[in-house]
PDB file of N, CA and C in Angstrom:
ATOM      1  N   MET A   1       3.772 -99.124 -23.932  1.00  0.00           N
ATOM      2  CA  MET A   1       1.981 -98.873 -24.028  1.00  0.00           C
ATOM      3  C   MET A   1       1.659 -97.336 -24.666  1.00  0.00           C
ATOM      4  N   THR A   2       0.719 -97.560 -25.282  1.00  0.00           N
ATOM      5  CA  THR A   2       0.154 -96.239 -26.072  1.00  0.00           C
ATOM      6  C   THR A   2      -0.730 -95.803 -25.209  1.00  0.00           C
ATOM      7  N   ALA A   3      -1.048 -94.217 -25.525  1.00  0.00           N
ATOM      8  CA  ALA A   3      -1.828 -93.444 -24.651  1.00  0.00           C
ATOM      9  C   ALA A   3      -3.421 -94.094 -24.952  1.00  0.00           C
ATOM     10  N   THR A   4      -3.648 -94.889 -26.069  1.00  0.00           N
ATOM     11  CA  THR A   4      -4.965 -95.219 -26.224  1.00  0.00           C
ATOM     12  C   THR A   4      -5.254 -96.550 -25.414  1.00  0.00           C
ATOM     13  N   THR A   5      -4.278 -97.367 -25.176  1.00  0.00           N
ATOM     14  CA  THR A   5      -4.362 -98.406 -24.422  1.00  0.00           C
ATOM     15  C   THR A   5      -4.476 -97.917 -23.008  1.00  0.00           C
ATOM     16  N   VAL A   6      -3.981 -96.900 -22.552  1.00  0.00           N
ATOM     17  CA  VAL A   6      -4.297 -96.739 -21.032  1.00  0.00           C
ATOM     18  C   VAL A   6      -5.736 -96.027 -21.036  1.00  0.00           C
ATOM     19  N   ALA A   7      -6.053 -95.161 -22.045  1.00  0.00           N
ATOM     20  CA  ALA A   7      -7.469 -94.657 -21.990  1.00  0.00           C
ATOM     21  C   ALA A   7      -8.413 -95.768 -22.075  1.00  0.00           C
ATOM     22  N   LEU A   8      -8.318 -96.928 -22.723  1.00  0.00           N
ATOM     23  CA  LEU A   8      -9.046 -97.883 -22.757  1.00  0.00           C
ATOM     24  C   LEU A   8      -9.197 -98.422 -21.693  1.00  0.00           C
ATOM     25  N   ALA A   9      -8.197 -98.980 -21.083  1.00  0.00           N
ATOM     26  CA  ALA A   9      -8.089 -99.332 -19.610  1.00  0.00           C
ATOM     27  C   ALA A   9      -8.945 -98.648 -18.573  1.00  0.00           C
ATOM     28  N   MET A  10      -8.634 -97.449 -18.529  1.00  0.00           N
ATOM     29  CA  MET A  10      -9.369 -96.411 -17.556  1.00  0.00           C
ATOM     30  C   MET A  10     -10.740 -96.278 -17.948  1.00  0.00           C
ATOM     31  N   LEU A  11     -11.085 -96.419 -19.352  1.00  0.00           N
ATOM     32  CA  LEU A  11     -12.595 -96.443 -19.462  1.00  0.00           C
ATOM     33  C   LEU A  11     -13.404 -97.784 -19.006  1.00  0.00           C
ATOM     34  N   VAL A  12     -12.992 -98.658 -19.287  1.00  0.00           N
ATOM     35  CA  VAL A  12     -13.242-100.076 -18.723  1.00  0.00           C
ATOM     36  C   VAL A  12     -13.554-100.115 -17.589  1.00  0.00           C
ATOM     37  N   ALA A  13     -12.519 -99.623 -16.542  1.00  0.00           N
ATOM     38  CA  ALA A  13     -12.756 -99.435 -15.148  1.00  0.00           C
ATOM     39  C   ALA A  13     -13.715 -98.629 -14.813  1.00  0.00           C
ATOM     40  N   ALA A  14     -13.951 -97.593 -15.234  1.00  0.00           N
ATOM     41  CA  ALA A  14     -14.953 -96.237 -14.979  1.00  0.00           C
ATOM     42  C   ALA A  14     -16.117 -97.185 -15.576  1.00  0.00           C
ATOM     43  N   MET A  15     -16.284 -97.884 -16.446  1.00  0.00           N
ATOM     44  CA  MET A  15     -17.574 -98.679 -16.750  1.00  0.00           C
ATOM     45  C   MET A  15     -17.872 -99.734 -15.889  1.00  0.00           C
ATOM     46  N   ALA A  16     -16.841-100.351 -15.254  1.00  0.00           N
ATOM     47  CA  ALA A  16     -17.108-101.377 -14.158  1.00  0.00           C
ATOM     48  C   ALA A  16     -17.894-100.446 -12.829  1.00  0.00           C
ATOM     49  N   LEU A  17     -17.148 -99.507 -12.842  1.00  0.00           N
ATOM     50  CA  LEU A  17     -17.885 -98.781 -11.608  1.00  0.00           C
ATOM     51  C   LEU A  17     -19.326 -98.318 -11.661  1.00  0.00           C
ATOM     52  N   GLY A  18     -19.389 -97.845 -13.123  1.00  0.00           N
ATOM     53  CA  GLY A  18     -20.810 -97.230 -13.287  1.00  0.00           C
ATOM     54  C   GLY A  18     -21.715 -98.482 -13.541  1.00  0.00           C
ATOM     55  N   LEU A  19     -21.441 -99.684 -13.836  1.00  0.00           N
ATOM     56  CA  LEU A  19     -22.310-100.719 -13.940  1.00  0.00           C
ATOM     57  C   LEU A  19     -22.695-101.333 -12.407  1.00  0.00           C
ATOM     58  N   ALA A  20     -21.597-100.977 -11.362  1.00  0.00           N
ATOM     59  CA  ALA A  20     -21.921-100.985 -10.072  1.00  0.00           C
ATOM     60  C   ALA A  20     -22.970-100.388  -9.439  1.00  0.00           C
ATOM     61  N   ARG A  21     -22.911 -99.090  -9.990  1.00  0.00           N
ATOM     62  CA  ARG A  21     -23.746 -98.019  -9.376  1.00  0.00           C
ATOM     63  C   ARG A  21     -25.046 -98.444  -9.914  1.00  0.00           C
ATOM     64  N   LEU A  22     -25.079 -98.740 -11.277  1.00  0.00           N
ATOM     65  CA  LEU A  22     -26.475 -99.042 -11.846  1.00  0.00           C
ATOM     66  C   LEU A  22     -27.276-100.164 -11.160  1.00  0.00           C
ATOM     67  N   ILE A  23     -26.256-101.415 -11.077  1.00  0.00           N
ATOM     68  CA  ILE A  23     -27.171-102.487 -10.263  1.00  0.00           C
ATOM     69  C   ILE A  23     -27.261-102.224  -8.690  1.00  0.00           C
ATOM     70  N   ARG A  24     -26.571-101.558  -7.941  1.00  0.00           N
ATOM     71  CA  ARG A  24     -26.708-101.303  -6.584  1.00  0.00           C
ATOM     72  C   ARG A  24     -27.518-100.218  -6.283  1.00  0.00           C
ATOM     73  N   GLY A  25     -27.486 -99.192  -7.019  1.00  0.00           N
ATOM     74  CA  GLY A  25     -28.043 -97.722  -6.791  1.00  0.00           C
ATOM     75  C   GLY A  25     -29.308 -97.986  -5.927  1.00  0.00           C
ATOM     76  N   PRO A  26     -29.420 -97.238  -4.933  1.00  0.00           N
ATOM     77  CA  PRO A  26     -30.552 -97.437  -3.944  1.00  0.00           C
ATOM     78  C   PRO A  26     -31.931 -96.799  -4.610  1.00  0.00           C
ATOM     79  N   HIS A  27     -31.718 -95.720  -5.069  1.00  0.00           N
ATOM     80  CA  HIS A  27     -32.754 -95.165  -5.688  1.00  0.00           C
ATOM     81  C   HIS A  27     -32.753 -95.019  -7.192  1.00  0.00           C
ATOM     82  N   LEU A  28     -34.015 -94.864  -7.616  1.00  0.00           N
ATOM     83  CA  LEU A  28     -34.186 -94.771  -9.230  1.00  0.00           C
ATOM     84  C   LEU A  28     -33.385 -93.625 -10.011  1.00  0.00           C
ATOM     85  N   GLY A  29     -33.203 -92.628  -9.204  1.00  0.00           N
ATOM     86  CA  GLY A  29     -32.494 -91.380  -9.630  1.00  0.00           C
ATOM     87  C   GLY A  29     -30.913 -91.688  -9.813  1.00  0.00           C
ATOM     88  N   ASP A  30     -30.393 -92.653  -8.943  1.00  0.00           N
ATOM     89  CA  ASP A  30     -29.016 -92.906  -8.799  1.00  0.00           C
ATOM     90  C   ASP A  30     -28.883 -94.074 -10.186  1.00  0.00           C
ATOM     91  N   ARG A  31     -29.596 -94.829 -10.582  1.00  0.00           N
ATOM     92  CA  ARG A  31     -29.711 -95.546 -11.786  1.00  0.00           C
ATOM     93  C   ARG A  31     -29.874 -94.972 -12.986  1.00  0.00           C
ATOM     94  N   ILE A  32     -30.680 -93.889 -12.965  1.00  0.00           N
ATOM     95  CA  ILE A  32     -30.703 -92.966 -14.252  1.00  0.00           C
ATOM     96  C   ILE A  32     -29.404 -92.311 -14.448  1.00  0.00           C
ATOM     97  N   VAL A  33     -28.721 -91.570 -13.668  1.00  0.00           N
ATOM     98  CA  VAL A  33     -27.556 -91.048 -13.480  1.00  0.00           C
ATOM     99  C   VAL A  33     -26.493 -92.196 -14.019  1.00  0.00           C
ATOM    100  N   ALA A  34     -26.653 -93.226 -13.372  1.00  0.00           N
ATOM    101  CA  ALA A  34     -25.318 -94.465 -13.661  1.00  0.00           C
ATOM    102  C   ALA A  34     -25.435 -94.714 -15.075  1.00  0.00           C
ATOM    103  N   GLY A  35     -26.782 -94.668 -15.673  1.00  0.00           N
ATOM    104  CA  GLY A  35     -27.147 -95.223 -17.000  1.00  0.00           C
ATOM    105  C   GLY A  35     -26.667 -94.302 -17.992  1.00  0.00           C
ATOM    106  N   ASP A  36     -26.650 -92.699 -17.746  1.00  0.00           N
ATOM    107  CA  ASP A  36     -26.108 -91.823 -18.222  1.00  0.00           C
ATOM    108  C   ASP A  36     -24.683 -91.539 -18.342  1.00  0.00           C
ATOM    109  N   THR A  37     -24.019 -92.088 -17.106  1.00  0.00           N
ATOM    110  CA  THR A  37     -22.715 -91.865 -17.155  1.00  0.00           C
ATOM    111  C   THR A  37     -22.055 -93.141 -17.779  1.00  0.00           C
ATOM    112  N   ILE A  38     -22.748 -93.997 -18.098  1.00  0.00           N
ATOM    113  CA  ILE A  38     -22.271 -95.279 -18.724  1.00  0.00           C
ATOM    114  C   ILE A  38     -22.540 -94.993 -20.328  1.00  0.00           C
ATOM    115  N   ALA A  39     -23.754 -94.219 -20.627  1.00  0.00           N
ATOM    116  CA  ALA A  39     -23.678 -93.900 -22.176  1.00  0.00           C
ATOM    117  C   ALA A  39     -22.433 -92.929 -22.438  1.00  0.00           C
ATOM    118  N   LEU A  40     -21.945 -91.928 -21.476  1.00  0.00           N
ATOM    119  CA  LEU A  40     -20.833 -91.103 -21.710  1.00  0.00           C
ATOM    120  C   LEU A  40     -19.788 -91.704 -21.994  1.00  0.00           C
ATOM    121  N   ILE A  41     -19.480 -92.920 -21.181  1.00  0.00           N
ATOM    122  CA  ILE A  41     -18.143 -93.854 -21.213  1.00  0.00           C
ATOM    123  C   ILE A  41     -18.169 -94.663 -22.478  1.00  0.00           C
ATOM    124  N   VAL A  42     -19.332 -95.040 -23.007  1.00  0.00           N
ATOM    125  CA  VAL A  42     -19.242 -95.632 -24.038  1.00  0.00           C
ATOM    126  C   VAL A  42     -19.143 -94.785 -25.401  1.00  0.00           C
ATOM    127  N   ILE A  43     -19.103 -93.722 -25.414  1.00  0.00           N
ATOM    128  CA  ILE A  43     -18.964 -92.698 -26.261  1.00  0.00           C
ATOM    129  C   ILE A  43     -17.670 -92.523 -26.360  1.00  0.00           C
ATOM    130  N   ASN A  44     -16.994 -92.305 -24.959  1.00  0.00           N
ATOM    131  CA  ASN A  44     -15.617 -92.080 -25.099  1.00  0.00           C
ATOM    132  C   ASN A  44     -14.635 -93.557 -25.617  1.00  0.00           C
ATOM    133  N   LEU A  45     -15.223 -94.562 -25.165  1.00  0.00           N
ATOM    134  CA  LEU A  45     -14.694 -95.870 -25.747  1.00  0.00           C
ATOM    135  C   LEU A  45     -14.868 -95.754 -27.230  1.00  0.00           C
ATOM    136  N   VAL A  46     -15.738 -95.652 -27.922  1.00  0.00           N
ATOM    137  CA  VAL A  46     -15.931 -95.542 -29.181  1.00  0.00           C
ATOM    138  C   VAL A  46     -15.106 -94.566 -29.900  1.00  0.00           C
ATOM    139  N   ALA A  47     -14.859 -93.413 -29.254  1.00  0.00           N
ATOM    140  CA  ALA A  47     -14.015 -92.305 -29.660  1.00  0.00           C
ATOM    141  C   ALA A  47     -12.623 -92.931 -29.735  1.00  0.00           C
ATOM    142  N   ALA A  48     -12.192 -93.538 -28.621  1.00  0.00           N
ATOM    143  CA  ALA A  48     -10.671 -93.981 -28.325  1.00  0.00           C
ATOM    144  C   ALA A  48     -10.545 -95.220 -29.225  1.00  0.00           C
ATOM    145  N   LEU A  49     -11.340 -95.944 -29.593  1.00  0.00           N
ATOM    146  CA  LEU A  49     -11.097 -97.157 -30.566  1.00  0.00           C
ATOM    147  C   LEU A  49     -10.984 -96.545 -32.049  1.00  0.00           C
ATOM    148  N   GLY A  50     -11.718 -95.217 -32.096  1.00  0.00           N
ATOM    149  CA  GLY A  50     -11.532 -94.298 -33.755  1.00  0.00           C
ATOM    150  C   GLY A  50     -10.079 -94.163 -33.733  1.00  0.00           C
ATOM    151  N   VAL A  51      -9.693 -93.459 -32.682  1.00  0.00           N
ATOM    152  CA  VAL A  51      -8.427 -93.006 -32.651  1.00  0.00           C
ATOM    153  C   VAL A  51      -7.403 -93.816 -32.990  1.00  0.00           C
ATOM    154  N   ARG A  52      -7.645 -95.396 -32.147  1.00  0.00           N
ATOM    155  CA  ARG A  52      -6.789 -96.329 -32.403  1.00  0.00           C
ATOM    156  C   ARG A  52      -6.603 -97.150 -33.735  1.00  0.00           C
ATOM    157  N   ALA A  53      -7.817 -96.884 -34.484  1.00  0.00           N
ATOM    158  CA  ALA A  53      -7.958 -97.463 -35.750  1.00  0.00           C
ATOM    159  C   ALA A  53      -7.643 -96.560 -36.738  1.00  0.00           C
ATOM    160  N   ASP A  54      -7.562 -95.227 -36.582  1.00  0.00           N
ATOM    161  CA  ASP A  54      -7.124 -94.176 -37.347  1.00  0.00           C
ATOM    162  C   ASP A  54      -8.357 -94.048 -38.442  1.00  0.00           C
ATOM    163  N   THR A  55      -9.394 -93.805 -37.997  1.00  0.00           N
ATOM    164  CA  THR A  55     -10.686 -93.747 -39.103  1.00  0.00           C
ATOM    165  C   THR A  55     -11.619 -92.593 -38.320  1.00  0.00           C
ATOM    166  N   ARG A  56     -12.295 -92.011 -39.229  1.00  0.00           N
ATOM    167  CA  ARG A  56     -13.335 -90.985 -38.466  1.00  0.00           C
ATOM    168  C   ARG A  56     -14.811 -91.709 -38.800  1.00  0.00           C
ATOM    169  N   LEU A  57     -14.955 -92.885 -39.144  1.00  0.00           N
ATOM    170  CA  LEU A  57     -15.980 -93.572 -39.006  1.00  0.00           C
ATOM    171  C   LEU A  57     -16.818 -93.715 -37.908  1.00  0.00           C
ATOM    172  N   TYR A  58     -15.999 -93.819 -36.836  1.00  0.00           N
ATOM    173  CA  TYR A  58     -16.590 -94.131 -35.247  1.00  0.00           C
ATOM    174  C   TYR A  58     -17.131 -92.923 -34.737  1.00  0.00           C
ATOM    175  N   ALA A  59     -16.910 -91.759 -35.239  1.00  0.00           N
ATOM    176  CA  ALA A  59     -17.525 -90.404 -34.871  1.00  0.00           C
ATOM    177  C   ALA A  59     -19.135 -90.518 -35.158  1.00  0.00           C
ATOM    178  N   ASP A  60     -19.854 -90.933 -36.326  1.00  0.00           N
ATOM    179  CA  ASP A  60     -20.914 -91.139 -36.320  1.00  0.00           C
ATOM    180  C   ASP A  60     -21.487 -92.143 -35.283  1.00  0.00           C
ATOM    181  N   VAL A  61     -20.968 -93.096 -35.084  1.00  0.00           N
ATOM    182  CA  VAL A  61     -21.431 -94.010 -33.983  1.00  0.00           C
ATOM    183  C   VAL A  61     -21.633 -93.465 -32.731  1.00  0.00           C
ATOM    184  N   ALA A  62     -20.438 -92.543 -32.196  1.00  0.00           N
ATOM    185  CA  ALA A  62     -20.556 -91.673 -31.012  1.00  0.00           C
ATOM    186  C   ALA A  62     -21.664 -90.985 -30.989  1.00  0.00           C
ATOM    187  N   ALA A  63     -21.872 -90.150 -32.122  1.00  0.00           N
ATOM    188  CA  ALA A  63     -22.946 -89.033 -32.342  1.00  0.00           C
ATOM    189  C   ALA A  63     -24.336 -89.747 -31.923  1.00  0.00           C
ATOM    190  N   VAL A  64     -24.349 -90.903 -32.745  1.00  0.00           N
ATOM    191  CA  VAL A  64     -25.975 -91.727 -32.393  1.00  0.00           C
ATOM    192  C   VAL A  64     -25.882 -92.262 -31.020  1.00  0.00           C
ATOM    193  N   ILE A  65     -25.032 -92.678 -30.327  1.00  0.00           N
ATOM    194  CA  ILE A  65     -24.831 -93.040 -29.002  1.00  0.00           C
ATOM    195  C   ILE A  65     -25.452 -91.872 -27.958  1.00  0.00           C
ATOM    196  N   ALA A  66     -24.739 -90.775 -28.281  1.00  0.00           N
ATOM    197  CA  ALA A  66     -24.864 -89.601 -27.687  1.00  0.00           C
ATOM    198  C   ALA A  66     -26.374 -89.291 -27.748  1.00  0.00           C
ATOM    199  N   ILE A  67     -26.845 -89.129 -28.738  1.00  0.00           N
ATOM    200  CA  ILE A  67     -28.506 -88.671 -29.095  1.00  0.00           C
ATOM    201  C   ILE A  67     -29.237 -89.684 -28.392  1.00  0.00           C
ATOM    202  N   LEU A  68     -29.028 -91.051 -28.464  1.00  0.00           N
ATOM    203  CA  LEU A  68     -29.888 -91.950 -27.903  1.00  0.00           C
ATOM    204  C   LEU A  68     -29.708 -91.989 -26.262  1.00  0.00           C
ATOM    205  N   GLY A  69     -28.735 -91.518 -25.865  1.00  0.00           N
ATOM    206  CA  GLY A  69     -28.429 -91.443 -24.336  1.00  0.00           C
ATOM    207  C   GLY A  69     -29.199 -90.415 -23.723  1.00  0.00           C
ATOM    208  N   PHE A  70     -28.999 -89.283 -24.637  1.00  0.00           N
ATOM    209  CA  PHE A  70     -29.766 -87.903 -24.025  1.00  0.00           C
ATOM    210  C   PHE A  70     -31.388 -88.168 -24.029  1.00  0.00           C
ATOM    211  N   ILE A  71     -31.793 -88.713 -25.089  1.00  0.00           N
ATOM    212  CA  ILE A  71     -33.077 -88.873 -25.174  1.00  0.00           C
ATOM    213  C   ILE A  71     -33.911 -90.348 -24.252  1.00  0.00           C
ATOM    214  N   GLY A  72     -32.782 -91.141 -23.908  1.00  0.00           N
ATOM    215  CA  GLY A  72     -33.060 -92.034 -22.997  1.00  0.00           C
ATOM    216  C   GLY A  72     -33.118 -91.560 -21.194  1.00  0.00           C
ATOM    217  N   THR A  73     -32.246 -90.718 -21.295  1.00  0.00           N
ATOM    218  CA  THR A  73     -32.263 -90.080 -19.881  1.00  0.00           C
ATOM    219  C   THR A  73     -33.079 -88.798 -19.481  1.00  0.00           C
ATOM    220  N   VAL A  74     -33.633 -88.043 -20.791  1.00  0.00           N
ATOM    221  CA  VAL A  74     -34.588 -87.492 -20.618  1.00  0.00           C
ATOM    222  C   VAL A  74     -36.149 -88.074 -20.313  1.00  0.00           C
ATOM    223  N   ALA A  75     -36.352 -89.108 -21.194  1.00  0.00           N
ATOM    224  CA  ALA A  75     -37.433 -89.984 -20.717  1.00  0.00           C
ATOM    225  C   ALA A  75     -37.505 -90.565 -19.405  1.00  0.00           C
ATOM    226  N   ALA A  76     -36.273 -91.108 -18.824  1.00  0.00           N
ATOM    227  CA  ALA A  76     -36.304 -91.698 -17.697  1.00  0.00           C
ATOM    228  C   ALA A  76     -36.644 -90.534 -16.354  1.00  0.00           C
ATOM    229  N   ALA A  77     -36.235 -89.383 -16.849  1.00  0.00           N
ATOM    230  CA  ALA A  77     -36.370 -87.993 -15.691  1.00  0.00           C
ATOM    231  C   ALA A  77     -37.622 -87.470 -15.750  1.00  0.00           C
ATOM    232  N   ARG A  78     -38.224 -87.933 -16.985  1.00  0.00           N
ATOM    233  CA  ARG A  78     -39.706 -87.521 -17.013  1.00  0.00           C
ATOM    234  C   ARG A  78     -40.680 -88.530 -16.303  1.00  0.00           C
ATOM    235  N   TYR A  79     -40.092 -89.577 -16.570  1.00  0.00           N
ATOM    236  CA  TYR A  79     -41.030 -90.734 -15.721  1.00  0.00           C
ATOM    237  C   TYR A  79     -40.746 -90.634 -14.428  1.00  0.00           C
ATOM    238  N   LEU A  80     -39.623 -90.473 -13.979  1.00  0.00           N
ATOM    239  CA  LEU A  80     -39.582 -90.116 -12.447  1.00  0.00           C
ATOM    240  C   LEU A  80     -40.211 -89.124 -12.008  1.00  0.00           C
ATOM    241  N   ARG A  81     -40.281 -87.991 -12.644  1.00  0.00           N
ATOM    242  CA  ARG A  81     -41.514 -86.723 -11.813  1.00  0.00           C
ATOM    243  C   ARG A  81     -42.596 -86.927 -12.265  1.00  0.00           C
ATOM    244  N   GLY A  82     -43.032 -88.230 -12.810  1.00  0.00           N
ATOM    245  CA  GLY A  82     -44.527 -88.555 -13.003  1.00  0.00           C
ATOM    246  C   GLY A  82     -45.185 -87.922 -14.095  1.00  0.00           C
ATOM    247  N   ARG A  83     -44.411 -87.362 -15.017  1.00  0.00           N
ATOM    248  CA  ARG A  83     -44.882 -86.652 -16.470  1.00  0.00           C
ATOM    249  C   ARG A  83     -44.940 -87.953 -17.602  1.00  0.00           C
ATOM    250  N   PRO A  84     -46.022 -87.841 -18.245  1.00  0.00           N
ATOM    251  CA  PRO A  84     -45.730 -88.793 -19.600  1.00  0.00           C
ATOM    252  C   PRO A  84     -44.534 -88.645 -20.399  1.00  0.00           C
ATOM    253  N   PRO A  85     -44.001 -89.914 -20.754  1.00  0.00           N
ATOM    254  CA  PRO A  85     -42.897 -89.749 -21.722  1.00  0.00           C
ATOM    255  C   PRO A  85     -43.120 -88.763 -22.900  1.00  0.00           C
ATOM    256  N   LEU A  86     -42.099 -88.165 -23.804  1.00  0.00           N
ATOM    257  CA  LEU A  86     -42.466 -87.456 -24.981  1.00  0.00           C
ATOM    258  C   LEU A  86     -42.984 -88.271 -26.071  1.00  0.00           C
ATOM    259  N   ALA A  87     -44.167 -87.659 -26.489  1.00  0.00           N
ATOM    260  CA  ALA A  87     -44.808 -88.782 -27.788  1.00  0.00           C
ATOM    261  C   ALA A  87     -45.143 -88.212 -28.928  1.00  0.00           C
TER     262      ALA A  87
END
């Protein structure tokens, strides 16, 4: 069993827990944090797959996911505080 296989298994388990919090979270703030956590887990999944495939092409995908996750989290936090989203 390789290190990437163990890492992928752990990330899938973390994704399942994050999805459970996203679905079940009692407050909107919990769901926002869960969504941000899921975005970080997806970034790590892409990075692990890139290591497993022995290519650097996945780094660009991870960077785009990171940017979109950050923008989504900021927009959701602004919505939660009652401010208009960035336009």
